[in-house]
Every structure is written in C-alpha cells, then in structure tokens.
Amino acid sequence: MEVTGRDDKKRYLLIECKTDSDLDVEQLRRSRESFLQQNKHADVTCLALTLGASQFTYSPSDPEIRELGFTVLNVSETRRIFSGLEVGGRGKTYYEDWREALQREEERASKIDQALSRMDSPRDERLKEEGCRLGFPVFYMFYAKLRDRLNKTSFKNWHIYSMANNPVMNWADGWLPPEQGPPSLFWEFNWDCFTLKAHLSDEWSDWWRGRRPRVIKLCASSPVQGRRSADRSGTHVSAYRWKFDFCRESVQEVAEKTVGILESVQEPLGSIS
C-alpha cells in the first residue's frame, strides 16, 4: 500500500494478513525481500495482521519476526488501532462490517471453552452456529486459553503451531536434552491428547528401543491415567498419551492435570534420557 504524507513523501505499508494459518517466518521473509527487490530504498512499514486463530501461533518470545522488521497485531490490537476512523461514502459500510466482525472474533476466542461445554466434541457441527470455523481454529483457541493457565505455573513457554495434519501446542522449555537434537524427548498437545514423544534419527533407534519400556513405566506411574502409544518407527514417535475431553473438562482442569503429569514425570525423565 502506497501512502503519501503531508510532506509529499511516499511511504509504504507492507501488510501480511493471516486468518487461521500459522504465522510463518519464511513467508514473511519472502514477502519483504520481494517488495524490496522492486522498491529499493523504500520507506516501508511491515505489518502482520493475525485476525483469526493465527494470532495464537505468534510467540512474542520468538525474535525472528521482530528481526525481520514486522510488527505483529492480533485482533484486539487491530481493533484498537483501527477504531474510530472517519470513513465516508460506501466505504463506511465495509468499515463498520469489518470492525464488528473483529469484535465477534475476539468474543469467540474468549468464550471458546464455554461454547465447547455445550458441544459433544470439538468437531461438533453446531460450533458453526456459534460462528466458529471447525478444525485447527477451534483447537488453537482452546490451546491459547490453556497456554495462559500453564504459563502461570512453573511449566512455561508453550508454542502453538500446526504440523502437516495436526494442531500442536509444544512445551518449548521441556525438551530433554534442551538443544532439541536427536535423540530428544519432548511434550506436546496434539489435537486433544497430551503426548510424550521422542525425536530420533536412524542411528538412535536402538537407543530408543532400550529406553522406551522405562519411559512408559514412568509415565504410567503419573497421577493421571493415560495409555502407551503404539510402537512405531519414524523421526517423531509417540511413547505415551493422556486424552482429554475439552467439552467436559474445563481449561483449569486440563491445566491442573497437565501440571500433575509434568510434576511426576519430567524430572525423573531427565535421568532416563
């Protein structure tokens, strides 16, 4: 977007708008580089508007997006910045519709747990009547409320994102060892399951086979009932999982059970890895 100021100097707004997909660093990098190739030495301000569930995939603790020069605005910040504009003519109707849509989106996210409590599952078609978009967005919104709770405990720093077919909330500070190189053990919410997984490479498959029974025994001793995962090969394999019911268990209940699992398993897990 080209903007001419009162000094007649041209300035530009480079805006990346995301609704429900992840806020991707490489995509932002390509957008900025492509713009600057065509507009060398331009005075440009880079914005990333995360106007749906995408807002929950941004972690302020991640410096990469800031280093690119992007300012990330979530729904609340976008509403605040763009409220009170004097828009005339036909544009006024579009502006008011957009502003009201942002308000409804903010309310949906803040009350997703209440909406789920009236459903049979997070995939219940009746969520569409609440204005929700089924699939990843529902889980991203619930994860965000759960992340807020967990970040008030000693188990902080959870990142929300998607894998190829799954919404994920990973405990970034829980990798064992912390450098995240194989072999490693790590924790994540995957759909409605809290899962302990192993990050492996081919040469570490024997290492995992020798330790997997001990890991499963430790997990089974936690105060929250779960179950062992099927023994499969691969780069990221599940060891044990605890299934939650996001419609029947409150955010607080899920958070308390997650903390109970981590308190009983995380420290002794370090001696196994």
Protein backbone atom coordinates (compact mmCIF):
# COMPACT_ATOMS: atom_id res chain seq x y z
CA MET A 1 0.00 0.00 0.00
CA GLU A 2 1.42 3.37 -1.03
CA VAL A 3 0.83 6.33 1.28
CA THR A 4 1.67 9.96 0.54
CA GLY A 5 2.28 12.05 3.63
CA ARG A 6 1.71 15.72 4.18
CA ASP A 7 5.32 16.28 3.19
CA ASP A 8 4.52 14.65 -0.19
CA LYS A 9 6.96 11.86 0.60
CA LYS A 10 5.91 8.38 -0.44
CA ARG A 11 5.80 5.69 2.20
CA TYR A 12 4.62 2.12 2.03
CA LEU A 13 2.72 -0.34 4.19
CA LEU A 14 3.57 -3.99 3.57
CA ILE A 15 0.74 -5.97 5.15
CA GLU A 16 0.63 -9.74 5.55
CA CYS A 17 -2.85 -10.76 6.65
CA LYS A 18 -3.43 -14.17 8.24
CA THR A 19 -6.73 -15.67 9.34
CA ASP A 20 -6.31 -19.23 10.59
CA SER A 21 -2.95 -20.43 9.22
CA ASP A 22 0.33 -20.23 11.11
CA LEU A 23 2.33 -17.02 11.11
CA ASP A 24 5.29 -18.30 9.10
CA VAL A 25 8.68 -16.59 9.37
CA GLU A 26 9.88 -17.70 5.94
CA GLN A 27 6.72 -16.43 4.26
CA LEU A 28 7.20 -13.03 5.89
CA ARG A 29 10.85 -13.02 4.82
CA ARG A 30 9.94 -13.75 1.20
CA SER A 31 7.26 -11.05 1.18
CA ARG A 32 9.67 -8.43 2.48
CA GLU A 33 12.51 -9.42 0.16
CA SER A 34 10.19 -9.46 -2.87
CA PHE A 35 8.89 -5.98 -2.04
CA LEU A 36 12.35 -4.51 -1.52
CA GLN A 37 13.64 -6.00 -4.77
CA GLN A 38 11.02 -3.97 -6.62
CA ASN A 39 11.20 -0.91 -4.35
CA LYS A 40 14.82 -0.43 -3.36
CA HIS A 41 15.43 2.04 -0.51
CA ALA A 42 11.68 2.44 0.06
CA ASP A 43 10.43 3.75 3.40
CA VAL A 44 8.32 0.75 4.36
CA THR A 45 6.49 -0.34 7.50
CA CYS A 46 5.83 -4.08 7.73
CA LEU A 47 2.72 -5.33 9.50
CA ALA A 48 1.39 -8.83 10.10
CA LEU A 49 -2.32 -8.79 10.88
CA THR A 50 -3.35 -12.01 12.62
CA LEU A 51 -7.10 -11.64 12.55
CA GLY A 52 -8.30 -15.15 13.41
CA ALA A 53 -6.80 -18.16 15.13
CA SER A 54 -3.46 -17.21 13.56
CA GLN A 55 -2.92 -14.74 16.39
CA PHE A 56 -2.26 -17.65 18.75
CA THR A 57 0.61 -19.02 16.64
CA TYR A 58 2.73 -15.93 17.31
CA SER A 59 5.07 -16.09 20.27
CA PRO A 60 6.46 -12.70 21.42
CA SER A 61 9.45 -14.56 22.86
CA ASP A 62 10.49 -15.57 19.32
CA PRO A 63 12.85 -12.86 17.99
CA GLU A 64 12.89 -13.88 14.31
CA ILE A 65 9.78 -11.98 13.23
CA ARG A 66 10.86 -8.84 15.08
CA GLU A 67 14.29 -9.05 13.48
CA LEU A 68 12.60 -9.02 10.07
CA GLY A 69 11.05 -5.69 11.00
CA PHE A 70 7.46 -6.90 11.21
CA THR A 71 5.04 -5.62 13.84
CA VAL A 72 2.50 -8.32 14.67
CA LEU A 73 -1.03 -7.18 15.51
CA ASN A 74 -3.61 -9.52 16.98
CA VAL A 75 -7.37 -8.99 16.86
CA SER A 76 -7.53 -6.78 19.96
CA GLU A 77 -4.64 -4.57 18.84
CA THR A 78 -6.04 -4.26 15.33
CA ARG A 79 -9.42 -3.21 16.71
CA ARG A 80 -7.79 -0.60 18.93
CA ILE A 81 -5.62 0.88 16.19
CA PHE A 82 -8.32 0.99 13.52
CA SER A 83 -11.24 2.04 15.71
CA GLY A 84 -12.76 5.49 15.49
CA LEU A 85 -11.81 6.15 11.89
CA GLU A 86 -13.91 8.61 9.95
CA VAL A 87 -14.86 6.69 6.84
CA GLY A 88 -17.39 8.20 4.47
CA GLY A 89 -19.40 7.07 1.49
CA ARG A 90 -19.74 3.41 0.56
CA GLY A 91 -16.57 2.58 2.45
CA LYS A 92 -18.28 3.31 5.76
CA THR A 93 -20.46 0.20 5.48
CA TYR A 94 -17.46 -2.04 4.73
CA TYR A 95 -15.52 -0.48 7.59
CA GLU A 96 -18.32 -1.00 10.12
CA ASP A 97 -18.86 -4.60 8.99
CA TRP A 98 -15.13 -5.31 9.35
CA ARG A 99 -14.92 -3.68 12.76
CA GLU A 100 -17.93 -5.65 14.04
CA ALA A 101 -16.51 -8.89 12.60
CA LEU A 102 -13.29 -8.33 14.57
CA GLN A 103 -15.28 -7.78 17.74
CA ARG A 104 -17.21 -11.02 17.21
CA GLU A 105 -13.95 -12.88 16.54
CA GLU A 106 -12.45 -11.59 19.78
CA GLU A 107 -15.53 -12.67 21.71
CA ARG A 108 -15.48 -16.15 20.11
CA ALA A 109 -11.89 -16.71 21.16
CA SER A 110 -12.50 -15.52 24.71
CA LYS A 111 -15.50 -17.84 25.14
CA ILE A 112 -14.40 -20.93 23.19
CA ASP A 113 -14.35 -23.06 26.34
CA GLN A 114 -17.94 -22.03 27.12
CA ALA A 115 -19.00 -22.88 23.56
CA LEU A 116 -17.29 -26.29 23.77
CA SER A 117 -19.07 -27.08 27.04
CA ARG A 118 -22.33 -27.12 25.07
CA MET A 119 -20.98 -29.47 22.39
CA ASP A 120 -20.42 -33.21 22.08
CA SER A 121 -16.89 -32.77 20.70
CA PRO A 122 -14.53 -30.07 19.38
CA ARG A 123 -15.62 -31.19 15.90
CA ASP A 124 -19.34 -30.71 16.59
CA GLU A 125 -21.02 -29.11 13.58
CA ARG A 126 -23.10 -26.96 15.92
CA LEU A 127 -19.98 -24.86 16.58
CA LYS A 128 -20.58 -23.30 13.17
CA GLU A 129 -23.76 -21.78 14.59
CA GLU A 130 -21.53 -20.05 17.16
CA GLY A 131 -19.52 -18.56 14.31
CA CYS A 132 -16.57 -20.92 14.80
CA ARG A 133 -14.53 -22.40 11.97
CA LEU A 134 -14.07 -26.11 12.61
CA GLY A 135 -10.71 -27.85 12.69
CA PHE A 136 -7.46 -26.20 13.72
CA PRO A 137 -9.02 -22.82 14.72
CA VAL A 138 -11.12 -24.39 17.50
CA PHE A 139 -8.07 -26.13 18.96
CA TYR A 140 -5.85 -23.05 18.58
CA MET A 141 -8.37 -21.00 20.58
CA PHE A 142 -8.64 -23.62 23.33
CA TYR A 143 -4.86 -24.07 23.40
CA ALA A 144 -4.43 -20.32 23.83
CA LYS A 145 -6.59 -20.29 26.95
CA LEU A 146 -4.77 -23.38 28.24
CA ARG A 147 -1.40 -21.76 27.49
CA ASP A 148 -2.37 -18.73 29.58
CA ARG A 149 -3.05 -21.03 32.52
CA LEU A 150 0.11 -23.10 32.12
CA ASN A 151 2.30 -20.00 31.79
CA LYS A 152 1.27 -19.10 35.34
CA THR A 153 2.85 -22.33 36.59
CA SER A 154 6.48 -23.41 36.66
CA PHE A 155 5.95 -25.08 33.26
CA LYS A 156 6.05 -22.02 30.96
CA ASN A 157 6.71 -21.24 27.30
CA TRP A 158 4.28 -23.15 25.10
CA HIS A 159 4.22 -22.66 21.32
CA ILE A 160 1.12 -23.21 19.16
CA TYR A 161 1.52 -24.25 15.53
CA SER A 162 0.49 -26.89 13.01
CA MET A 163 2.19 -29.97 11.69
CA ALA A 164 1.10 -31.47 8.36
CA ASN A 165 -2.23 -32.76 9.70
CA ASN A 166 -2.34 -31.78 13.34
CA PRO A 167 -2.73 -28.72 15.56
CA VAL A 168 0.05 -28.72 18.15
CA MET A 169 0.99 -26.94 21.36
CA ASN A 170 4.56 -27.80 22.27
CA TRP A 171 6.27 -27.15 25.59
CA ALA A 172 9.34 -25.35 24.24
CA ASP A 173 11.25 -25.50 27.54
CA GLY A 174 10.55 -29.18 28.13
CA TRP A 175 12.89 -30.82 25.60
CA LEU A 176 15.34 -33.33 27.05
CA PRO A 177 18.10 -32.56 26.30
CA PRO A 178 17.26 -28.87 25.74
CA GLU A 179 19.25 -28.45 22.50
CA GLN A 180 16.49 -30.34 20.63
CA GLY A 181 18.90 -32.51 18.66
CA PRO A 182 18.18 -36.22 18.31
CA PRO A 183 17.76 -38.11 20.45
CA SER A 184 15.37 -35.95 22.48
CA LEU A 185 12.19 -36.39 24.44
CA PHE A 186 9.52 -33.68 24.27
CA TRP A 187 5.95 -32.85 25.23
CA GLU A 188 3.09 -31.59 23.12
CA PHE A 189 -0.66 -31.31 22.91
CA ASN A 190 -1.74 -32.92 19.66
CA TRP A 191 -5.46 -32.48 18.97
CA ASP A 192 -6.98 -33.33 22.40
CA CYS A 193 -4.15 -35.56 23.63
CA PHE A 194 -1.16 -34.59 25.75
CA THR A 195 1.72 -36.68 24.45
CA LEU A 196 5.30 -37.53 25.33
CA LYS A 197 7.28 -38.09 22.14
CA ALA A 198 10.81 -38.95 21.06
CA HIS A 199 12.73 -37.09 18.36
CA LEU A 200 15.04 -39.62 16.73
CA SER A 201 17.35 -40.19 13.81
CA ASP A 202 18.09 -43.60 12.25
CA GLU A 203 21.22 -44.19 14.28
CA TRP A 204 19.32 -43.66 17.55
CA SER A 205 16.60 -46.28 17.02
CA ASP A 206 18.42 -48.80 19.24
CA TRP A 207 18.78 -46.11 21.93
CA TRP A 208 15.02 -45.62 21.91
CA ARG A 209 14.17 -49.33 21.94
CA GLY A 210 16.27 -49.76 25.07
CA ARG A 211 14.70 -46.83 26.91
CA ARG A 212 11.09 -46.94 25.74
CA PRO A 213 9.91 -49.53 28.35
CA ARG A 214 11.37 -47.40 31.17
CA VAL A 215 9.76 -44.25 29.78
CA ILE A 216 6.37 -45.96 29.55
CA LYS A 217 6.64 -47.34 33.09
CA LEU A 218 7.45 -43.86 34.40
CA CYS A 219 4.53 -42.28 32.55
CA ALA A 220 2.14 -44.96 33.81
CA SER A 221 3.06 -44.02 37.39
CA SER A 222 1.74 -40.46 36.96
CA PRO A 223 -1.41 -39.48 38.95
CA VAL A 224 -3.37 -39.01 35.71
CA GLN A 225 -4.41 -42.11 33.80
CA GLY A 226 -3.11 -42.41 30.24
CA ARG A 227 -2.06 -45.12 27.84
CA ARG A 228 1.01 -46.22 25.94
CA SER A 229 1.20 -45.41 22.26
CA ALA A 230 1.70 -47.98 19.52
CA ASP A 231 5.35 -48.82 18.91
CA ARG A 232 6.18 -47.28 15.53
CA SER A 233 9.30 -46.22 13.70
CA GLY A 234 9.96 -42.72 12.43
CA THR A 235 11.56 -39.40 13.26
CA HIS A 236 8.96 -38.29 15.81
CA VAL A 237 7.38 -41.20 17.66
CA SER A 238 4.86 -41.17 20.49
CA ALA A 239 5.58 -43.00 23.73
CA TYR A 240 2.62 -42.22 25.95
CA ARG A 241 -0.50 -40.07 25.78
CA TRP A 242 -3.21 -38.68 28.02
CA LYS A 243 -6.53 -37.96 26.31
CA PHE A 244 -8.62 -35.01 27.48
CA ASP A 245 -12.22 -34.06 26.84
CA PHE A 246 -12.20 -30.36 26.01
CA CYS A 247 -16.01 -30.33 26.16
CA ARG A 248 -16.37 -31.90 29.62
CA GLU A 249 -13.16 -30.76 31.28
CA SER A 250 -12.58 -27.06 31.91
CA VAL A 251 -9.42 -25.24 30.92
CA GLN A 252 -8.47 -25.15 34.59
CA GLU A 253 -8.97 -28.91 34.97
CA VAL A 254 -6.87 -29.70 31.89
CA ALA A 255 -4.14 -27.35 33.14
CA GLU A 256 -4.11 -28.90 36.62
CA LYS A 257 -3.88 -32.43 35.24
CA THR A 258 -1.11 -31.41 32.83
CA VAL A 259 0.86 -29.89 35.69
CA GLY A 260 0.33 -33.07 37.72
CA ILE A 261 1.73 -35.19 34.89
CA LEU A 262 4.76 -32.98 34.41
CA GLU A 263 5.49 -32.72 38.12
CA SER A 264 5.61 -36.51 38.42
CA VAL A 265 7.40 -37.35 35.15
CA GLN A 266 9.60 -34.52 33.88
CA GLU A 267 12.41 -34.57 36.48
CA PRO A 268 12.94 -38.39 36.59
CA LEU A 269 12.63 -38.44 32.81
CA GLY A 270 15.89 -36.50 32.65
CA SER A 271 17.82 -39.40 34.17
CA ILE A 272 16.43 -41.77 31.52
CA SER A 273 17.28 -39.58 28.53
